[in-house]
mmCIF file of all heavy atoms, coordinates in Angstrom:
data_MODEL
# 
_entry.id   MODEL 
# 
loop_
_atom_site.group_PDB 
_atom_site.id 
_atom_site.type_symbol 
_atom_site.label_atom_id 
_atom_site.label_alt_id 
_atom_site.label_comp_id 
_atom_site.label_asym_id 
_atom_site.label_entity_id 
_atom_site.label_seq_id 
_atom_site.pdbx_PDB_ins_code 
_atom_site.Cartn_x 
_atom_site.Cartn_y 
_atom_site.Cartn_z 
_atom_site.occupancy 
_atom_site.B_iso_or_equiv 
_atom_site.pdbx_formal_charge 
_atom_site.auth_seq_id 
_atom_site.auth_comp_id 
_atom_site.auth_asym_id 
_atom_site.auth_atom_id 
_atom_site.pdbx_PDB_model_num 
ATOM 1   N N   . GLY A 1 1  ? -101.867 63.494 -129.014 1.00 0.00 ? 1  GLY A N   1 
ATOM 2   C CA  . GLY A 1 1  ? -100.770 63.983 -128.189 1.00 0.00 ? 1  GLY A CA  1 
ATOM 3   C C   . GLY A 1 1  ? -100.039 62.922 -127.414 1.00 0.00 ? 1  GLY A C   1 
ATOM 4   O O   . GLY A 1 1  ? -99.023  63.209 -126.777 1.00 0.00 ? 1  GLY A O   1 
ATOM 5   N N   . ASP A 1 2  ? -100.532 61.688 -127.450 1.00 0.00 ? 2  ASP A N   1 
ATOM 6   C CA  . ASP A 1 2  ? -99.891  60.610 -126.689 1.00 0.00 ? 2  ASP A CA  1 
ATOM 7   C C   . ASP A 1 2  ? -98.662  60.084 -127.425 1.00 0.00 ? 2  ASP A C   1 
ATOM 8   O O   . ASP A 1 2  ? -98.651  59.967 -128.652 1.00 0.00 ? 2  ASP A O   1 
ATOM 9   C CB  . ASP A 1 2  ? -100.864 59.462 -126.460 1.00 0.00 ? 2  ASP A CB  1 
ATOM 10  C CG  . ASP A 1 2  ? -102.000 59.827 -125.518 1.00 0.00 ? 2  ASP A CG  1 
ATOM 11  O OD1 . ASP A 1 2  ? -101.908 60.863 -124.838 1.00 0.00 ? 2  ASP A OD1 1 
ATOM 12  O OD2 . ASP A 1 2  ? -102.995 59.066 -125.476 1.00 0.00 ? 2  ASP A OD2 1 
ATOM 13  N N   . PHE A 1 3  ? -97.642  59.740 -126.638 1.00 0.00 ? 3  PHE A N   1 
ATOM 14  C CA  . PHE A 1 3  ? -96.407  59.125 -127.127 1.00 0.00 ? 3  PHE A CA  1 
ATOM 15  C C   . PHE A 1 3  ? -96.374  57.717 -126.555 1.00 0.00 ? 3  PHE A C   1 
ATOM 16  O O   . PHE A 1 3  ? -96.383  57.542 -125.332 1.00 0.00 ? 3  PHE A O   1 
ATOM 17  C CB  . PHE A 1 3  ? -95.208  59.953 -126.671 1.00 0.00 ? 3  PHE A CB  1 
ATOM 18  C CG  . PHE A 1 3  ? -93.874  59.320 -126.913 1.00 0.00 ? 3  PHE A CG  1 
ATOM 19  C CD1 . PHE A 1 3  ? -93.435  59.017 -128.195 1.00 0.00 ? 3  PHE A CD1 1 
ATOM 20  C CD2 . PHE A 1 3  ? -93.025  59.031 -125.852 1.00 0.00 ? 3  PHE A CD2 1 
ATOM 21  C CE1 . PHE A 1 3  ? -92.194  58.437 -128.412 1.00 0.00 ? 3  PHE A CE1 1 
ATOM 22  C CE2 . PHE A 1 3  ? -91.780  58.462 -126.057 1.00 0.00 ? 3  PHE A CE2 1 
ATOM 23  C CZ  . PHE A 1 3  ? -91.363  58.160 -127.337 1.00 0.00 ? 3  PHE A CZ  1 
ATOM 24  N N   . LEU A 1 4  ? -96.372  56.700 -127.429 1.00 0.00 ? 4  LEU A N   1 
ATOM 25  C CA  . LEU A 1 4  ? -96.546  55.313 -127.006 1.00 0.00 ? 4  LEU A CA  1 
ATOM 26  C C   . LEU A 1 4  ? -95.368  54.466 -127.449 1.00 0.00 ? 4  LEU A C   1 
ATOM 27  O O   . LEU A 1 4  ? -94.882  54.599 -128.576 1.00 0.00 ? 4  LEU A O   1 
ATOM 28  C CB  . LEU A 1 4  ? -97.848  54.744 -127.595 1.00 0.00 ? 4  LEU A CB  1 
ATOM 29  C CG  . LEU A 1 4  ? -99.100  55.593 -127.311 1.00 0.00 ? 4  LEU A CG  1 
ATOM 30  C CD1 . LEU A 1 4  ? -99.536  56.320 -128.578 1.00 0.00 ? 4  LEU A CD1 1 
ATOM 31  C CD2 . LEU A 1 4  ? -100.234 54.758 -126.752 1.00 0.00 ? 4  LEU A CD2 1 
ATOM 32  N N   . LEU A 1 5  ? -94.919  53.569 -126.581 1.00 0.00 ? 5  LEU A N   1 
ATOM 33  C CA  . LEU A 1 5  ? -93.712  52.784 -126.839 1.00 0.00 ? 5  LEU A CA  1 
ATOM 34  C C   . LEU A 1 5  ? -94.021  51.334 -127.197 1.00 0.00 ? 5  LEU A C   1 
ATOM 35  O O   . LEU A 1 5  ? -94.931  50.718 -126.650 1.00 0.00 ? 5  LEU A O   1 
ATOM 36  C CB  . LEU A 1 5  ? -92.817  52.772 -125.603 1.00 0.00 ? 5  LEU A CB  1 
ATOM 37  C CG  . LEU A 1 5  ? -92.238  54.096 -125.110 1.00 0.00 ? 5  LEU A CG  1 
ATOM 38  C CD1 . LEU A 1 5  ? -91.244  53.832 -123.987 1.00 0.00 ? 5  LEU A CD1 1 
ATOM 39  C CD2 . LEU A 1 5  ? -91.591  54.872 -126.234 1.00 0.00 ? 5  LEU A CD2 1 
ATOM 40  N N   . THR A 1 6  ? -93.224  50.813 -128.123 1.00 0.00 ? 6  THR A N   1 
ATOM 41  C CA  . THR A 1 6  ? -93.166  49.381 -128.402 1.00 0.00 ? 6  THR A CA  1 
ATOM 42  C C   . THR A 1 6  ? -91.699  48.991 -128.466 1.00 0.00 ? 6  THR A C   1 
ATOM 43  O O   . THR A 1 6  ? -91.085  48.968 -129.543 1.00 0.00 ? 6  THR A O   1 
ATOM 44  C CB  . THR A 1 6  ? -93.855  49.033 -129.734 1.00 0.00 ? 6  THR A CB  1 
ATOM 45  O OG1 . THR A 1 6  ? -95.168  49.566 -129.746 1.00 0.00 ? 6  THR A OG1 1 
ATOM 46  C CG2 . THR A 1 6  ? -93.921  47.530 -129.921 1.00 0.00 ? 6  THR A CG2 1 
ATOM 47  N N   . PRO A 1 7  ? -91.063  48.718 -127.321 1.00 0.00 ? 7  PRO A N   1 
ATOM 48  C CA  . PRO A 1 7  ? -89.640  48.362 -127.339 1.00 0.00 ? 7  PRO A CA  1 
ATOM 49  C C   . PRO A 1 7  ? -89.372  47.090 -128.131 1.00 0.00 ? 7  PRO A C   1 
ATOM 50  O O   . PRO A 1 7  ? -90.274  46.280 -128.390 1.00 0.00 ? 7  PRO A O   1 
ATOM 51  C CB  . PRO A 1 7  ? -89.321  48.160 -125.849 1.00 0.00 ? 7  PRO A CB  1 
ATOM 52  C CG  . PRO A 1 7  ? -90.376  48.938 -125.121 1.00 0.00 ? 7  PRO A CG  1 
ATOM 53  C CD  . PRO A 1 7  ? -91.607  48.788 -125.968 1.00 0.00 ? 7  PRO A CD  1 
ATOM 54  N N   . GLY A 1 8  ? -88.132  46.921 -128.529 1.00 0.00 ? 8  GLY A N   1 
ATOM 55  C CA  . GLY A 1 8  ? -87.743  45.776 -129.327 1.00 0.00 ? 8  GLY A CA  1 
ATOM 56  C C   . GLY A 1 8  ? -88.097  44.447 -128.687 1.00 0.00 ? 8  GLY A C   1 
ATOM 57  O O   . GLY A 1 8  ? -87.918  44.251 -127.488 1.00 0.00 ? 8  GLY A O   1 
ATOM 58  N N   . TRP A 1 9  ? -88.624  43.530 -129.507 1.00 0.00 ? 9  TRP A N   1 
ATOM 59  C CA  . TRP A 1 9  ? -88.985  42.169 -129.158 1.00 0.00 ? 9  TRP A CA  1 
ATOM 60  C C   . TRP A 1 9  ? -90.202  42.090 -128.228 1.00 0.00 ? 9  TRP A C   1 
ATOM 61  O O   . TRP A 1 9  ? -90.431  41.088 -127.562 1.00 0.00 ? 9  TRP A O   1 
ATOM 62  C CB  . TRP A 1 9  ? -87.799  41.408 -128.565 1.00 0.00 ? 9  TRP A CB  1 
ATOM 63  C CG  . TRP A 1 9  ? -87.809  39.948 -128.928 1.00 0.00 ? 9  TRP A CG  1 
ATOM 64  C CD1 . TRP A 1 9  ? -87.770  38.882 -128.061 1.00 0.00 ? 9  TRP A CD1 1 
ATOM 65  C CD2 . TRP A 1 9  ? -87.861  39.375 -130.248 1.00 0.00 ? 9  TRP A CD2 1 
ATOM 66  N NE1 . TRP A 1 9  ? -87.803  37.690 -128.753 1.00 0.00 ? 9  TRP A NE1 1 
ATOM 67  C CE2 . TRP A 1 9  ? -87.850  37.967 -130.108 1.00 0.00 ? 9  TRP A CE2 1 
ATOM 68  C CE3 . TRP A 1 9  ? -87.920  39.906 -131.529 1.00 0.00 ? 9  TRP A CE3 1 
ATOM 69  C CZ2 . TRP A 1 9  ? -87.896  37.101 -131.190 1.00 0.00 ? 9  TRP A CZ2 1 
ATOM 70  C CZ3 . TRP A 1 9  ? -87.957  39.044 -132.617 1.00 0.00 ? 9  TRP A CZ3 1 
ATOM 71  C CH2 . TRP A 1 9  ? -87.948  37.664 -132.429 1.00 0.00 ? 9  TRP A CH2 1 
ATOM 72  N N   . TYR A 1 10 ? -91.030  43.128 -128.230 1.00 0.00 ? 10 TYR A N   1 
ATOM 73  C CA  . TYR A 1 10 ? -92.320  43.092 -127.550 1.00 0.00 ? 10 TYR A CA  1 
ATOM 74  C C   . TYR A 1 10 ? -93.393  42.761 -128.596 1.00 0.00 ? 10 TYR A C   1 
ATOM 75  O O   . TYR A 1 10 ? -93.476  43.409 -129.632 1.00 0.00 ? 10 TYR A O   1 
ATOM 76  C CB  . TYR A 1 10 ? -92.666  44.445 -126.934 1.00 0.00 ? 10 TYR A CB  1 
ATOM 77  C CG  . TYR A 1 10 ? -91.981  44.778 -125.634 1.00 0.00 ? 10 TYR A CG  1 
ATOM 78  C CD1 . TYR A 1 10 ? -90.693  44.335 -125.344 1.00 0.00 ? 10 TYR A CD1 1 
ATOM 79  C CD2 . TYR A 1 10 ? -92.614  45.583 -124.691 1.00 0.00 ? 10 TYR A CD2 1 
ATOM 80  C CE1 . TYR A 1 10 ? -90.069  44.661 -124.156 1.00 0.00 ? 10 TYR A CE1 1 
ATOM 81  C CE2 . TYR A 1 10 ? -92.000  45.916 -123.495 1.00 0.00 ? 10 TYR A CE2 1 
ATOM 82  C CZ  . TYR A 1 10 ? -90.731  45.450 -123.234 1.00 0.00 ? 10 TYR A CZ  1 
ATOM 83  O OH  . TYR A 1 10 ? -90.110  45.784 -122.051 1.00 0.00 ? 10 TYR A OH  1 
ATOM 84  N N   . PHE A 1 11 ? -94.228  41.765 -128.317 1.00 0.00 ? 11 PHE A N   1 
ATOM 85  C CA  . PHE A 1 11 ? -95.361  41.499 -129.193 1.00 0.00 ? 11 PHE A CA  1 
ATOM 86  C C   . PHE A 1 11 ? -96.305  42.698 -129.163 1.00 0.00 ? 11 PHE A C   1 
ATOM 87  O O   . PHE A 1 11 ? -96.555  43.287 -128.105 1.00 0.00 ? 11 PHE A O   1 
ATOM 88  C CB  . PHE A 1 11 ? -96.112  40.245 -128.754 1.00 0.00 ? 11 PHE A CB  1 
ATOM 89  C CG  . PHE A 1 11 ? -95.507  38.962 -129.263 1.00 0.00 ? 11 PHE A CG  1 
ATOM 90  C CD1 . PHE A 1 11 ? -94.932  38.050 -128.382 1.00 0.00 ? 11 PHE A CD1 1 
ATOM 91  C CD2 . PHE A 1 11 ? -95.521  38.668 -130.616 1.00 0.00 ? 11 PHE A CD2 1 
ATOM 92  C CE1 . PHE A 1 11 ? -94.375  36.860 -128.852 1.00 0.00 ? 11 PHE A CE1 1 
ATOM 93  C CE2 . PHE A 1 11 ? -94.973  37.480 -131.098 1.00 0.00 ? 11 PHE A CE2 1 
ATOM 94  C CZ  . PHE A 1 11 ? -94.394  36.586 -130.208 1.00 0.00 ? 11 PHE A CZ  1 
ATOM 95  N N   . HIS A 1 12 ? -96.855  43.045 -130.327 1.00 0.00 ? 12 HIS A N   1 
ATOM 96  C CA  . HIS A 1 12 ? -97.769  44.186 -130.386 1.00 0.00 ? 12 HIS A CA  1 
ATOM 97  C C   . HIS A 1 12 ? -98.704  44.070 -131.587 1.00 0.00 ? 12 HIS A C   1 
ATOM 98  O O   . HIS A 1 12 ? -98.331  43.566 -132.633 1.00 0.00 ? 12 HIS A O   1 
ATOM 99  C CB  . HIS A 1 12 ? -97.002  45.506 -130.446 1.00 0.00 ? 12 HIS A CB  1 
ATOM 100 C CG  . HIS A 1 12 ? -96.021  45.579 -131.577 1.00 0.00 ? 12 HIS A CG  1 
ATOM 101 N ND1 . HIS A 1 12 ? -94.799  44.942 -131.550 1.00 0.00 ? 12 HIS A ND1 1 
ATOM 102 C CD2 . HIS A 1 12 ? -96.097  46.191 -132.792 1.00 0.00 ? 12 HIS A CD2 1 
ATOM 103 C CE1 . HIS A 1 12 ? -94.150  45.171 -132.680 1.00 0.00 ? 12 HIS A CE1 1 
ATOM 104 N NE2 . HIS A 1 12 ? -94.920  45.924 -133.456 1.00 0.00 ? 12 HIS A NE2 1 
ATOM 105 N N   . GLY A 1 13 ? -99.922  44.530 -131.385 1.00 0.00 ? 13 GLY A N   1 
ATOM 106 C CA  . GLY A 1 13 ? -100.918 44.634 -132.440 1.00 0.00 ? 13 GLY A CA  1 
ATOM 107 C C   . GLY A 1 13 ? -101.832 45.800 -132.117 1.00 0.00 ? 13 GLY A C   1 
ATOM 108 O O   . GLY A 1 13 ? -101.739 46.405 -131.043 1.00 0.00 ? 13 GLY A O   1 
ATOM 109 N N   . HIS A 1 14 ? -102.721 46.144 -133.052 1.00 0.00 ? 14 HIS A N   1 
ATOM 110 C CA  . HIS A 1 14 ? -103.599 47.295 -132.855 1.00 0.00 ? 14 HIS A CA  1 
ATOM 111 C C   . HIS A 1 14 ? -105.034 46.897 -133.210 1.00 0.00 ? 14 HIS A C   1 
ATOM 112 O O   . HIS A 1 14 ? -105.257 46.088 -134.119 1.00 0.00 ? 14 HIS A O   1 
ATOM 113 C CB  . HIS A 1 14 ? -103.194 48.472 -133.756 1.00 0.00 ? 14 HIS A CB  1 
ATOM 114 C CG  . HIS A 1 14 ? -101.717 48.671 -133.891 1.00 0.00 ? 14 HIS A CG  1 
ATOM 115 N ND1 . HIS A 1 14 ? -100.892 48.889 -132.811 1.00 0.00 ? 14 HIS A ND1 1 
ATOM 116 C CD2 . HIS A 1 14 ? -100.912 48.687 -134.988 1.00 0.00 ? 14 HIS A CD2 1 
ATOM 117 C CE1 . HIS A 1 14 ? -99.645  49.027 -133.241 1.00 0.00 ? 14 HIS A CE1 1 
ATOM 118 N NE2 . HIS A 1 14 ? -99.640  48.907 -134.556 1.00 0.00 ? 14 HIS A NE2 1 
ATOM 119 N N   . HIS A 1 15 ? -106.006 47.502 -132.508 1.00 0.00 ? 15 HIS A N   1 
ATOM 120 C CA  . HIS A 1 15 ? -107.407 47.288 -132.889 1.00 0.00 ? 15 HIS A CA  1 
ATOM 121 C C   . HIS A 1 15 ? -108.174 48.600 -132.754 1.00 0.00 ? 15 HIS A C   1 
ATOM 122 O O   . HIS A 1 15 ? -108.015 49.344 -131.801 1.00 0.00 ? 15 HIS A O   1 
ATOM 123 C CB  . HIS A 1 15 ? -108.057 46.160 -132.085 1.00 0.00 ? 15 HIS A CB  1 
ATOM 124 C CG  . HIS A 1 15 ? -108.117 46.375 -130.598 1.00 0.00 ? 15 HIS A CG  1 
ATOM 125 N ND1 . HIS A 1 15 ? -109.287 46.708 -129.946 1.00 0.00 ? 15 HIS A ND1 1 
ATOM 126 C CD2 . HIS A 1 15 ? -107.160 46.301 -129.652 1.00 0.00 ? 15 HIS A CD2 1 
ATOM 127 C CE1 . HIS A 1 15 ? -109.040 46.812 -128.645 1.00 0.00 ? 15 HIS A CE1 1 
ATOM 128 N NE2 . HIS A 1 15 ? -107.764 46.574 -128.437 1.00 0.00 ? 15 HIS A NE2 1 
ATOM 129 N N   . ASN A 1 16 ? -108.996 48.862 -133.764 1.00 0.00 ? 16 ASN A N   1 
ATOM 130 C CA  . ASN A 1 16 ? -109.806 50.075 -133.821 1.00 0.00 ? 16 ASN A CA  1 
ATOM 131 C C   . ASN A 1 16 ? -111.224 49.713 -133.387 1.00 0.00 ? 16 ASN A C   1 
ATOM 132 O O   . ASN A 1 16 ? -111.870 48.867 -134.007 1.00 0.00 ? 16 ASN A O   1 
ATOM 133 C CB  . ASN A 1 16 ? -109.798 50.641 -135.246 1.00 0.00 ? 16 ASN A CB  1 
ATOM 134 C CG  . ASN A 1 16 ? -110.466 51.991 -135.344 1.00 0.00 ? 16 ASN A CG  1 
ATOM 135 O OD1 . ASN A 1 16 ? -111.232 52.398 -134.472 1.00 0.00 ? 16 ASN A OD1 1 
ATOM 136 N ND2 . ASN A 1 16 ? -110.185 52.708 -136.428 1.00 0.00 ? 16 ASN A ND2 1 
ATOM 137 N N   . GLU A 1 17 ? -111.698 50.359 -132.326 1.00 0.00 ? 17 GLU A N   1 
ATOM 138 C CA  . GLU A 1 17 ? -113.012 50.031 -131.779 1.00 0.00 ? 17 GLU A CA  1 
ATOM 139 C C   . GLU A 1 17 ? -114.097 50.983 -132.255 1.00 0.00 ? 17 GLU A C   1 
ATOM 140 O O   . GLU A 1 17 ? -115.206 50.982 -131.721 1.00 0.00 ? 17 GLU A O   1 
ATOM 141 C CB  . GLU A 1 17 ? -112.943 50.054 -130.243 1.00 0.00 ? 17 GLU A CB  1 
ATOM 142 C CG  . GLU A 1 17 ? -112.084 48.949 -129.663 1.00 0.00 ? 17 GLU A CG  1 
ATOM 143 C CD  . GLU A 1 17 ? -112.613 47.572 -130.040 1.00 0.00 ? 17 GLU A CD  1 
ATOM 144 O OE1 . GLU A 1 17 ? -113.825 47.320 -129.882 1.00 0.00 ? 17 GLU A OE1 1 
ATOM 145 O OE2 . GLU A 1 17 ? -111.806 46.734 -130.513 1.00 0.00 ? 17 GLU A OE2 1 
ATOM 146 N N   . THR A 1 18 ? -113.803 51.802 -133.256 1.00 0.00 ? 18 THR A N   1 
ATOM 147 C CA  . THR A 1 18 ? -114.768 52.783 -133.732 1.00 0.00 ? 18 THR A CA  1 
ATOM 148 C C   . THR A 1 18 ? -115.085 52.558 -135.208 1.00 0.00 ? 18 THR A C   1 
ATOM 149 O O   . THR A 1 18 ? -114.450 51.749 -135.886 1.00 0.00 ? 18 THR A O   1 
ATOM 150 C CB  . THR A 1 18 ? -114.229 54.222 -133.561 1.00 0.00 ? 18 THR A CB  1 
ATOM 151 O OG1 . THR A 1 18 ? -113.230 54.473 -134.561 1.00 0.00 ? 18 THR A OG1 1 
ATOM 152 C CG2 . THR A 1 18 ? -113.622 54.411 -132.184 1.00 0.00 ? 18 THR A CG2 1 
ATOM 153 N N   . ASP A 1 19 ? -116.051 53.329 -135.707 1.00 0.00 ? 19 ASP A N   1 
ATOM 154 C CA  . ASP A 1 19 ? -116.379 53.299 -137.131 1.00 0.00 ? 19 ASP A CA  1 
ATOM 155 C C   . ASP A 1 19 ? -115.431 54.167 -137.949 1.00 0.00 ? 19 ASP A C   1 
ATOM 156 O O   . ASP A 1 19 ? -115.440 54.087 -139.187 1.00 0.00 ? 19 ASP A O   1 
ATOM 157 C CB  . ASP A 1 19 ? -117.813 53.809 -137.355 1.00 0.00 ? 19 ASP A CB  1 
ATOM 158 C CG  . ASP A 1 19 ? -118.859 52.915 -136.715 1.00 0.00 ? 19 ASP A CG  1 
ATOM 159 O OD1 . ASP A 1 19 ? -118.636 51.683 -136.670 1.00 0.00 ? 19 ASP A OD1 1 
ATOM 160 O OD2 . ASP A 1 19 ? -119.879 53.450 -136.242 1.00 0.00 ? 19 ASP A OD2 1 
ATOM 161 N N   . GLN A 1 20 ? -114.638 54.988 -137.272 1.00 0.00 ? 20 GLN A N   1 
ATOM 162 C CA  . GLN A 1 20 ? -113.799 55.962 -137.955 1.00 0.00 ? 20 GLN A CA  1 
ATOM 163 C C   . GLN A 1 20 ? -112.355 55.480 -138.078 1.00 0.00 ? 20 GLN A C   1 
ATOM 164 O O   . GLN A 1 20 ? -111.824 54.852 -137.153 1.00 0.00 ? 20 GLN A O   1 
ATOM 165 C CB  . GLN A 1 20 ? -113.831 57.298 -137.205 1.00 0.00 ? 20 GLN A CB  1 
ATOM 166 C CG  . GLN A 1 20 ? -115.215 57.896 -137.081 1.00 0.00 ? 20 GLN A CG  1 
ATOM 167 C CD  . GLN A 1 20 ? -115.861 58.132 -138.429 1.00 0.00 ? 20 GLN A CD  1 
ATOM 168 O OE1 . GLN A 1 20 ? -115.228 58.683 -139.345 1.00 0.00 ? 20 GLN A OE1 1 
ATOM 169 N NE2 . GLN A 1 20 ? -117.115 57.718 -138.578 1.00 0.00 ? 20 GLN A NE2 1 
ATOM 170 N N   . PRO A 1 21 ? -111.686 55.779 -139.189 1.00 0.00 ? 21 PRO A N   1 
ATOM 171 C CA  . PRO A 1 21 ? -110.263 55.432 -139.313 1.00 0.00 ? 21 PRO A CA  1 
ATOM 172 C C   . PRO A 1 21 ? -109.411 56.330 -138.421 1.00 0.00 ? 21 PRO A C   1 
ATOM 173 O O   . PRO A 1 21 ? -109.868 57.363 -137.930 1.00 0.00 ? 21 PRO A O   1 
ATOM 174 C CB  . PRO A 1 21 ? -109.975 55.696 -140.791 1.00 0.00 ? 21 PRO A CB  1 
ATOM 175 C CG  . PRO A 1 21 ? -110.958 56.758 -141.175 1.00 0.00 ? 21 PRO A CG  1 
ATOM 176 C CD  . PRO A 1 21 ? -112.203 56.476 -140.378 1.00 0.00 ? 21 PRO A CD  1 
ATOM 177 N N   . MET A 1 22 ? -108.183 55.921 -138.225 1.00 0.00 ? 22 MET A N   1 
ATOM 178 C CA  . MET A 1 22 ? -107.247 56.713 -137.431 1.00 0.00 ? 22 MET A CA  1 
ATOM 179 C C   . MET A 1 22 ? -105.851 56.580 -138.034 1.00 0.00 ? 22 MET A C   1 
ATOM 180 O O   . MET A 1 22 ? -105.471 55.515 -138.530 1.00 0.00 ? 22 MET A O   1 
ATOM 181 C CB  . MET A 1 22 ? -107.237 56.244 -135.979 1.00 0.00 ? 22 MET A CB  1 
ATOM 182 C CG  . MET A 1 22 ? -106.344 57.061 -135.059 1.00 0.00 ? 22 MET A CG  1 
ATOM 183 S SD  . MET A 1 22 ? -106.610 56.591 -133.335 1.00 0.00 ? 22 MET A SD  1 
ATOM 184 C CE  . MET A 1 22 ? -105.145 57.257 -132.569 1.00 0.00 ? 22 MET A CE  1 
ATOM 185 N N   . ALA A 1 23 ? -105.110 57.676 -138.020 1.00 0.00 ? 23 ALA A N   1 
ATOM 186 C CA  . ALA A 1 23 ? -103.734 57.681 -138.526 1.00 0.00 ? 23 ALA A CA  1 
ATOM 187 C C   . ALA A 1 23 ? -102.816 58.222 -137.453 1.00 0.00 ? 23 ALA A C   1 
ATOM 188 O O   . ALA A 1 23 ? -103.208 59.069 -136.638 1.00 0.00 ? 23 ALA A O   1 
ATOM 189 C CB  . ALA A 1 23 ? -103.638 58.526 -139.793 1.00 0.00 ? 23 ALA A CB  1 
ATOM 190 N N   . TRP A 1 24 ? -101.583 57.746 -137.462 1.00 0.00 ? 24 TRP A N   1 
ATOM 191 C CA  . TRP A 1 24 ? -100.570 58.243 -136.528 1.00 0.00 ? 24 TRP A CA  1 
ATOM 192 C C   . TRP A 1 24 ? -99.206  58.060 -137.181 1.00 0.00 ? 24 TRP A C   1 
ATOM 193 O O   . TRP A 1 24 ? -99.093  57.539 -138.278 1.00 0.00 ? 24 TRP A O   1 
ATOM 194 C CB  . TRP A 1 24 ? -100.645 57.484 -135.198 1.00 0.00 ? 24 TRP A CB  1 
ATOM 195 C CG  . TRP A 1 24 ? -100.417 56.002 -135.308 1.00 0.00 ? 24 TRP A CG  1 
ATOM 196 C CD1 . TRP A 1 24 ? -99.229  55.338 -135.297 1.00 0.00 ? 24 TRP A CD1 1 
ATOM 197 C CD2 . TRP A 1 24 ? -101.434 54.981 -135.443 1.00 0.00 ? 24 TRP A CD2 1 
ATOM 198 N NE1 . TRP A 1 24 ? -99.425  53.977 -135.416 1.00 0.00 ? 24 TRP A NE1 1 
ATOM 199 C CE2 . TRP A 1 24 ? -100.765 53.739 -135.512 1.00 0.00 ? 24 TRP A CE2 1 
ATOM 200 C CE3 . TRP A 1 24 ? -102.838 55.017 -135.520 1.00 0.00 ? 24 TRP A CE3 1 
ATOM 201 C CZ2 . TRP A 1 24 ? -101.460 52.536 -135.641 1.00 0.00 ? 24 TRP A CZ2 1 
ATOM 202 C CZ3 . TRP A 1 24 ? -103.512 53.811 -135.656 1.00 0.00 ? 24 TRP A CZ3 1 
ATOM 203 C CH2 . TRP A 1 24 ? -102.831 52.596 -135.711 1.00 0.00 ? 24 TRP A CH2 1 
ATOM 204 N N   . ILE A 1 25 ? -98.163  58.520 -136.507 1.00 0.00 ? 25 ILE A N   1 
ATOM 205 C CA  . ILE A 1 25 ? -96.829  58.272 -137.052 1.00 0.00 ? 25 ILE A CA  1 
ATOM 206 C C   . ILE A 1 25 ? -96.127  57.194 -136.239 1.00 0.00 ? 25 ILE A C   1 
ATOM 207 O O   . ILE A 1 25 ? -96.299  57.093 -135.022 1.00 0.00 ? 25 ILE A O   1 
ATOM 208 C CB  . ILE A 1 25 ? -95.960  59.548 -137.144 1.00 0.00 ? 25 ILE A CB  1 
ATOM 209 C CG1 . ILE A 1 25 ? -95.614  60.105 -135.764 1.00 0.00 ? 25 ILE A CG1 1 
ATOM 210 C CG2 . ILE A 1 25 ? -96.612  60.594 -138.008 1.00 0.00 ? 25 ILE A CG2 1 
ATOM 211 C CD1 . ILE A 1 25 ? -94.470  61.110 -135.799 1.00 0.00 ? 25 ILE A CD1 1 
ATOM 212 N N   . ASP A 1 26 ? -95.364  56.381 -136.944 1.00 0.00 ? 26 ASP A N   1 
ATOM 213 C CA  . ASP A 1 26 ? -94.488  55.379 -136.343 1.00 0.00 ? 26 ASP A CA  1 
ATOM 214 C C   . ASP A 1 26 ? -93.046  55.848 -136.483 1.00 0.00 ? 26 ASP A C   1 
ATOM 215 O O   . ASP A 1 26 ? -92.662  56.405 -137.519 1.00 0.00 ? 26 ASP A O   1 
ATOM 216 C CB  . ASP A 1 26 ? -94.608  54.035 -137.062 1.00 0.00 ? 26 ASP A CB  1 
ATOM 217 C CG  . ASP A 1 26 ? -95.947  53.368 -136.863 1.00 0.00 ? 26 ASP A CG  1 
ATOM 218 O OD1 . ASP A 1 26 ? -96.630  53.688 -135.881 1.00 0.00 ? 26 ASP A OD1 1 
ATOM 219 O OD2 . ASP A 1 26 ? -96.310  52.506 -137.689 1.00 0.00 ? 26 ASP A OD2 1 
ATOM 220 N N   . GLY A 1 27 ? -92.244  55.594 -135.473 1.00 0.00 ? 27 GLY A N   1 
ATOM 221 C CA  . GLY A 1 27 ? -90.810  55.823 -135.556 1.00 0.00 ? 27 GLY A CA  1 
ATOM 222 C C   . GLY A 1 27 ? -90.073  54.571 -135.122 1.00 0.00 ? 27 GLY A C   1 
ATOM 223 O O   . GLY A 1 27 ? -90.436  53.966 -134.101 1.00 0.00 ? 27 GLY A O   1 
ATOM 224 N N   . LEU A 1 28 ? -89.076  54.153 -135.879 1.00 0.00 ? 28 LEU A N   1 
ATOM 225 C CA  . LEU A 1 28 ? -88.295  52.967 -135.557 1.00 0.00 ? 28 LEU A CA  1 
ATOM 226 C C   . LEU A 1 28 ? -86.825  53.186 -135.896 1.00 0.00 ? 28 LEU A C   1 
ATOM 227 O O   . LEU A 1 28 ? -86.472  54.114 -136.630 1.00 0.00 ? 28 LEU A O   1 
ATOM 228 C CB  . LEU A 1 28 ? -88.798  51.731 -136.321 1.00 0.00 ? 28 LEU A CB  1 
ATOM 229 C CG  . LEU A 1 28 ? -90.182  51.185 -135.986 1.00 0.00 ? 28 LEU A CG  1 
ATOM 230 C CD1 . LEU A 1 28 ? -91.246  51.830 -136.856 1.00 0.00 ? 28 LEU A CD1 1 
ATOM 231 C CD2 . LEU A 1 28 ? -90.229  49.667 -136.135 1.00 0.00 ? 28 LEU A CD2 1 
# 
């Protein structure tokens, strides 16, 4: 349910801290 922002020209990466995969949607 969370809505998360990555505005233009912001450095960003992701890390999964669990054994389980995760999927979400990206919008650009």
